Amino acid sequence: MEGAIYITAAEMAEMLGISKPYAYKLIKQMNEELDAKGFITIPGKVAIKYFEEKFYGVTVTA
């Protein structure tokens, strides 16, 4: 993930130990929150920076 600014559902599922469908559900929720704040979002991906804010203690490493 070197240089990546987004995390995918598969990467999130692996990091958090959850299923891919649940990771997609979380990404959808986070993207809705970002959209409400006026940010442009990409379906199936979420910004790593926002992901790290939402999940205390999780850091995405390259």
PDB file of N, CA and C in Angstrom:
ATOM      1  N   MET A   1       0.816  -1.202   0.000  1.00  0.00           N
ATOM      2  CA  MET A   1       0.000   0.000   0.000  1.00  0.00           C
ATOM      3  C   MET A   1       0.856   1.260   0.000  1.00  0.00           C
ATOM      4  N   GLU A   2       2.052   1.149  -0.413  1.00  0.00           N
ATOM      5  CA  GLU A   2       2.950   2.302  -0.395  1.00  0.00           C
ATOM      6  C   GLU A   2       2.412   3.417  -1.286  1.00  0.00           C
ATOM      7  N   GLY A   3       2.268   4.593  -0.726  1.00  0.00           N
ATOM      8  CA  GLY A   3       1.782   5.739  -1.464  1.00  0.00           C
ATOM      9  C   GLY A   3       0.275   5.774  -1.623  1.00  0.00           C
ATOM     10  N   ALA A   4      -0.413   4.773  -1.137  1.00  0.00           N
ATOM     11  CA  ALA A   4      -1.870   4.728  -1.264  1.00  0.00           C
ATOM     12  C   ALA A   4      -2.517   5.712  -0.297  1.00  0.00           C
ATOM     13  N   ILE A   5      -3.621   6.302  -0.732  1.00  0.00           N
ATOM     14  CA  ILE A   5      -4.357   7.192   0.162  1.00  0.00           C
ATOM     15  C   ILE A   5      -5.713   6.599   0.531  1.00  0.00           C
ATOM     16  N   TYR A   6      -6.054   5.470  -0.084  1.00  0.00           N
ATOM     17  CA  TYR A   6      -7.322   4.802   0.205  1.00  0.00           C
ATOM     18  C   TYR A   6      -7.073   3.387   0.692  1.00  0.00           C
ATOM     19  N   ILE A   7      -8.000   2.873   1.489  1.00  0.00           N
ATOM     20  CA  ILE A   7      -7.963   1.487   1.928  1.00  0.00           C
ATOM     21  C   ILE A   7      -9.188   0.797   1.327  1.00  0.00           C
ATOM     22  N   THR A   8      -8.994  -0.422   0.848  1.00  0.00           N
ATOM     23  CA  THR A   8     -10.088  -1.178   0.244  1.00  0.00           C
ATOM     24  C   THR A   8     -10.782  -2.041   1.289  1.00  0.00           C
ATOM     25  N   ALA A   9     -11.919  -2.578   0.912  1.00  0.00           N
ATOM     26  CA  ALA A   9     -12.664  -3.447   1.818  1.00  0.00           C
ATOM     27  C   ALA A   9     -11.859  -4.698   2.165  1.00  0.00           C
ATOM     28  N   ALA A  10     -11.158  -5.259   1.189  1.00  0.00           N
ATOM     29  CA  ALA A  10     -10.356  -6.461   1.448  1.00  0.00           C
ATOM     30  C   ALA A  10      -9.253  -6.168   2.450  1.00  0.00           C
ATOM     31  N   GLU A  11      -8.583  -5.032   2.297  1.00  0.00           N
ATOM     32  CA  GLU A  11      -7.517  -4.649   3.229  1.00  0.00           C
ATOM     33  C   GLU A  11      -8.080  -4.381   4.621  1.00  0.00           C
ATOM     34  N   MET A  12      -9.227  -3.713   4.673  1.00  0.00           N
ATOM     35  CA  MET A  12      -9.858  -3.426   5.949  1.00  0.00           C
ATOM     36  C   MET A  12     -10.283  -4.718   6.648  1.00  0.00           C
ATOM     37  N   ALA A  13     -10.869  -5.624   5.898  1.00  0.00           N
ATOM     38  CA  ALA A  13     -11.318  -6.895   6.467  1.00  0.00           C
ATOM     39  C   ALA A  13     -10.148  -7.655   7.078  1.00  0.00           C
ATOM     40  N   GLU A  14      -9.025  -7.672   6.381  1.00  0.00           N
ATOM     41  CA  GLU A  14      -7.840  -8.376   6.875  1.00  0.00           C
ATOM     42  C   GLU A  14      -7.287  -7.710   8.133  1.00  0.00           C
ATOM     43  N   MET A  15      -7.201  -6.380   8.125  1.00  0.00           N
ATOM     44  CA  MET A  15      -6.644  -5.652   9.263  1.00  0.00           C
ATOM     45  C   MET A  15      -7.493  -5.796  10.526  1.00  0.00           C
ATOM     46  N   LEU A  16      -8.819  -5.760  10.351  1.00  0.00           N
ATOM     47  CA  LEU A  16      -9.717  -5.771  11.503  1.00  0.00           C
ATOM     48  C   LEU A  16     -10.224  -7.163  11.862  1.00  0.00           C
ATOM     49  N   GLY A  17      -9.940  -8.139  11.002  1.00  0.00           N
ATOM     50  CA  GLY A  17     -10.402  -9.496  11.261  1.00  0.00           C
ATOM     51  C   GLY A  17     -11.913  -9.634  11.110  1.00  0.00           C
ATOM     52  N   ILE A  18     -12.461  -8.958  10.106  1.00  0.00           N
ATOM     53  CA  ILE A  18     -13.898  -9.005   9.840  1.00  0.00           C
ATOM     54  C   ILE A  18     -14.135  -9.522   8.428  1.00  0.00           C
ATOM     55  N   SER A  19     -15.391  -9.796   8.112  1.00  0.00           N
ATOM     56  CA  SER A  19     -15.720 -10.279   6.768  1.00  0.00           C
ATOM     57  C   SER A  19     -15.691  -9.117   5.768  1.00  0.00           C
ATOM     58  N   LYS A  20     -15.510  -9.456   4.491  1.00  0.00           N
ATOM     59  CA  LYS A  20     -15.512  -8.426   3.454  1.00  0.00           C
ATOM     60  C   LYS A  20     -16.868  -7.721   3.359  1.00  0.00           C
ATOM     61  N   PRO A  21     -17.984  -8.470   3.425  1.00  0.00           N
ATOM     62  CA  PRO A  21     -19.270  -7.755   3.372  1.00  0.00           C
ATOM     63  C   PRO A  21     -19.434  -6.728   4.497  1.00  0.00           C
ATOM     64  N   TYR A  22     -18.956  -7.054   5.693  1.00  0.00           N
ATOM     65  CA  TYR A  22     -19.049  -6.097   6.798  1.00  0.00           C
ATOM     66  C   TYR A  22     -18.114  -4.909   6.561  1.00  0.00           C
ATOM     67  N   ALA A  23     -16.942  -5.174   5.985  1.00  0.00           N
ATOM     68  CA  ALA A  23     -16.014  -4.086   5.656  1.00  0.00           C
ATOM     69  C   ALA A  23     -16.658  -3.137   4.647  1.00  0.00           C
ATOM     70  N   TYR A  24     -17.356  -3.689   3.650  1.00  0.00           N
ATOM     71  CA  TYR A  24     -18.056  -2.838   2.683  1.00  0.00           C
ATOM     72  C   TYR A  24     -19.127  -1.996   3.371  1.00  0.00           C
ATOM     73  N   LYS A  25     -19.814  -2.569   4.346  1.00  0.00           N
ATOM     74  CA  LYS A  25     -20.840  -1.844   5.089  1.00  0.00           C
ATOM     75  C   LYS A  25     -20.214  -0.679   5.856  1.00  0.00           C
ATOM     76  N   LEU A  26     -19.067  -0.923   6.501  1.00  0.00           N
ATOM     77  CA  LEU A  26     -18.376   0.136   7.231  1.00  0.00           C
ATOM     78  C   LEU A  26     -17.887   1.229   6.288  1.00  0.00           C
ATOM     79  N   ILE A  27     -17.351   0.824   5.142  1.00  0.00           N
ATOM     80  CA  ILE A  27     -16.865   1.802   4.163  1.00  0.00           C
ATOM     81  C   ILE A  27     -18.023   2.659   3.666  1.00  0.00           C
ATOM     82  N   LYS A  28     -19.150   2.030   3.399  1.00  0.00           N
ATOM     83  CA  LYS A  28     -20.319   2.781   2.948  1.00  0.00           C
ATOM     84  C   LYS A  28     -20.730   3.807   3.993  1.00  0.00           C
ATOM     85  N   GLN A  29     -20.732   3.409   5.253  1.00  0.00           N
ATOM     86  CA  GLN A  29     -21.094   4.314   6.344  1.00  0.00           C
ATOM     87  C   GLN A  29     -20.108   5.484   6.428  1.00  0.00           C
ATOM     88  N   MET A  30     -18.814   5.189   6.366  1.00  0.00           N
ATOM     89  CA  MET A  30     -17.813   6.250   6.452  1.00  0.00           C
ATOM     90  C   MET A  30     -17.899   7.182   5.245  1.00  0.00           C
ATOM     91  N   ASN A  31     -18.139   6.618   4.048  1.00  0.00           N
ATOM     92  CA  ASN A  31     -18.271   7.454   2.859  1.00  0.00           C
ATOM     93  C   ASN A  31     -19.507   8.345   2.935  1.00  0.00           C
ATOM     94  N   GLU A  32     -20.593   7.859   3.528  1.00  0.00           N
ATOM     95  CA  GLU A  32     -21.779   8.695   3.720  1.00  0.00           C
ATOM     96  C   GLU A  32     -21.471   9.857   4.660  1.00  0.00           C
ATOM     97  N   GLU A  33     -20.694   9.587   5.708  1.00  0.00           N
ATOM     98  CA  GLU A  33     -20.299  10.650   6.637  1.00  0.00           C
ATOM     99  C   GLU A  33     -19.436  11.695   5.926  1.00  0.00           C
ATOM    100  N   LEU A  34     -18.483  11.227   5.131  1.00  0.00           N
ATOM    101  CA  LEU A  34     -17.613  12.141   4.396  1.00  0.00           C
ATOM    102  C   LEU A  34     -18.404  12.938   3.358  1.00  0.00           C
ATOM    103  N   ASP A  35     -19.336  12.276   2.687  1.00  0.00           N
ATOM    104  CA  ASP A  35     -20.176  12.934   1.685  1.00  0.00           C
ATOM    105  C   ASP A  35     -21.000  14.049   2.334  1.00  0.00           C
ATOM    106  N   ALA A  36     -21.514  13.781   3.517  1.00  0.00           N
ATOM    107  CA  ALA A  36     -22.300  14.783   4.238  1.00  0.00           C
ATOM    108  C   ALA A  36     -21.461  16.009   4.605  1.00  0.00           C
ATOM    109  N   LYS A  37     -20.147  15.800   4.738  1.00  0.00           N
ATOM    110  CA  LYS A  37     -19.235  16.907   5.044  1.00  0.00           C
ATOM    111  C   LYS A  37     -18.749  17.609   3.779  1.00  0.00           C
ATOM    112  N   GLY A  38     -19.191  17.110   2.611  1.00  0.00           N
ATOM    113  CA  GLY A  38     -18.838  17.758   1.354  1.00  0.00           C
ATOM    114  C   GLY A  38     -17.637  17.173   0.634  1.00  0.00           C
ATOM    115  N   PHE A  39     -17.132  16.036   1.089  1.00  0.00           N
ATOM    116  CA  PHE A  39     -15.990  15.409   0.441  1.00  0.00           C
ATOM    117  C   PHE A  39     -16.439  14.494  -0.686  1.00  0.00           C
ATOM    118  N   ILE A  40     -15.606  14.336  -1.686  1.00  0.00           N
ATOM    119  CA  ILE A  40     -15.865  13.389  -2.765  1.00  0.00           C
ATOM    120  C   ILE A  40     -15.388  12.027  -2.292  1.00  0.00           C
ATOM    121  N   THR A  41     -16.183  10.988  -2.536  1.00  0.00           N
ATOM    122  CA  THR A  41     -15.839   9.645  -2.087  1.00  0.00           C
ATOM    123  C   THR A  41     -15.785   8.677  -3.260  1.00  0.00           C
ATOM    124  N   ILE A  42     -15.156   7.534  -3.036  1.00  0.00           N
ATOM    125  CA  ILE A  42     -15.054   6.477  -4.027  1.00  0.00           C
ATOM    126  C   ILE A  42     -15.701   5.229  -3.441  1.00  0.00           C
ATOM    127  N   PRO A  43     -16.710   4.682  -4.119  1.00  0.00           N
ATOM    128  CA  PRO A  43     -17.365   3.471  -3.600  1.00  0.00           C
ATOM    129  C   PRO A  43     -16.368   2.326  -3.421  1.00  0.00           C
ATOM    130  N   GLY A  44     -16.469   1.631  -2.292  1.00  0.00           N
ATOM    131  CA  GLY A  44     -15.602   0.483  -2.030  1.00  0.00           C
ATOM    132  C   GLY A  44     -14.243   0.830  -1.455  1.00  0.00           C
ATOM    133  N   LYS A  45     -13.978   2.119  -1.293  1.00  0.00           N
ATOM    134  CA  LYS A  45     -12.702   2.571  -0.718  1.00  0.00           C
ATOM    135  C   LYS A  45     -12.983   3.740   0.212  1.00  0.00           C
ATOM    136  N   VAL A  46     -12.101   3.909   1.188  1.00  0.00           N
ATOM    137  CA  VAL A  46     -12.214   5.060   2.082  1.00  0.00           C
ATOM    138  C   VAL A  46     -10.805   5.593   2.348  1.00  0.00           C
ATOM    139  N   ALA A  47     -10.709   6.877   2.579  1.00  0.00           N
ATOM    140  CA  ALA A  47      -9.411   7.498   2.836  1.00  0.00           C
ATOM    141  C   ALA A  47      -8.777   6.896   4.096  1.00  0.00           C
ATOM    142  N   ILE A  48      -7.511   6.549   3.979  1.00  0.00           N
ATOM    143  CA  ILE A  48      -6.781   5.945   5.098  1.00  0.00           C
ATOM    144  C   ILE A  48      -6.800   6.868   6.310  1.00  0.00           C
ATOM    145  N   LYS A  49      -6.629   8.146   6.077  1.00  0.00           N
ATOM    146  CA  LYS A  49      -6.600   9.117   7.170  1.00  0.00           C
ATOM    147  C   LYS A  49      -7.906   9.073   7.967  1.00  0.00           C
ATOM    148  N   TYR A  50      -9.037   9.002   7.269  1.00  0.00           N
ATOM    149  CA  TYR A  50     -10.335   8.953   7.945  1.00  0.00           C
ATOM    150  C   TYR A  50     -10.527   7.611   8.643  1.00  0.00           C
ATOM    151  N   PHE A  51     -10.091   6.543   8.011  1.00  0.00           N
ATOM    152  CA  PHE A  51     -10.156   5.207   8.604  1.00  0.00           C
ATOM    153  C   PHE A  51      -9.408   5.177   9.933  1.00  0.00           C
ATOM    154  N   GLU A  52      -8.208   5.754   9.956  1.00  0.00           N
ATOM    155  CA  GLU A  52      -7.408   5.774  11.182  1.00  0.00           C
ATOM    156  C   GLU A  52      -8.052   6.634  12.263  1.00  0.00           C
ATOM    157  N   GLU A  53      -8.783   7.693  11.870  1.00  0.00           N
ATOM    158  CA  GLU A  53      -9.502   8.512  12.845  1.00  0.00           C
ATOM    159  C   GLU A  53     -10.646   7.732  13.487  1.00  0.00           C
ATOM    160  N   LYS A  54     -11.349   6.944  12.686  1.00  0.00           N
ATOM    161  CA  LYS A  54     -12.537   6.239  13.144  1.00  0.00           C
ATOM    162  C   LYS A  54     -12.200   5.006  13.989  1.00  0.00           C
ATOM    163  N   PHE A  55     -11.054   4.384  13.749  1.00  0.00           N
ATOM    164  CA  PHE A  55     -10.687   3.177  14.464  1.00  0.00           C
ATOM    165  C   PHE A  55      -9.480   3.466  15.349  1.00  0.00           C
ATOM    166  N   TYR A  56      -9.761   3.728  16.613  1.00  0.00           N
ATOM    167  CA  TYR A  56      -8.728   4.063  17.593  1.00  0.00           C
ATOM    168  C   TYR A  56      -7.669   2.965  17.653  1.00  0.00           C
ATOM    169  N   GLY A  57      -6.418   3.344  17.577  1.00  0.00           N
ATOM    170  CA  GLY A  57      -5.312   2.407  17.735  1.00  0.00           C
ATOM    171  C   GLY A  57      -4.897   1.680  16.466  1.00  0.00           C
ATOM    172  N   VAL A  58      -5.613   1.905  15.362  1.00  0.00           N
ATOM    173  CA  VAL A  58      -5.268   1.249  14.103  1.00  0.00           C
ATOM    174  C   VAL A  58      -4.445   2.208  13.264  1.00  0.00           C
ATOM    175  N   THR A  59      -3.314   1.732  12.781  1.00  0.00           N
ATOM    176  CA  THR A  59      -2.467   2.525  11.906  1.00  0.00           C
ATOM    177  C   THR A  59      -2.158   1.703  10.667  1.00  0.00           C
ATOM    178  N   VAL A  60      -2.393   2.280   9.506  1.00  0.00           N
ATOM    179  CA  VAL A  60      -2.092   1.611   8.249  1.00  0.00           C
ATOM    180  C   VAL A  60      -0.633   1.880   7.925  1.00  0.00           C
ATOM    181  N   THR A  61       0.142   0.811   7.746  1.00  0.00           N
ATOM    182  CA  THR A  61       1.560   0.953   7.416  1.00  0.00           C
ATOM    183  C   THR A  61       1.792   0.591   5.972  1.00  0.00           C
ATOM    184  N   ALA A  62       2.798   1.188   5.400  1.00  0.00           N
ATOM    185  CA  ALA A  62       3.138   0.945   3.991  1.00  0.00           C
ATOM    186  C   ALA A  62       3.838  -0.364   3.795  1.00  0.00           C
TER     187      ALA A  62
END
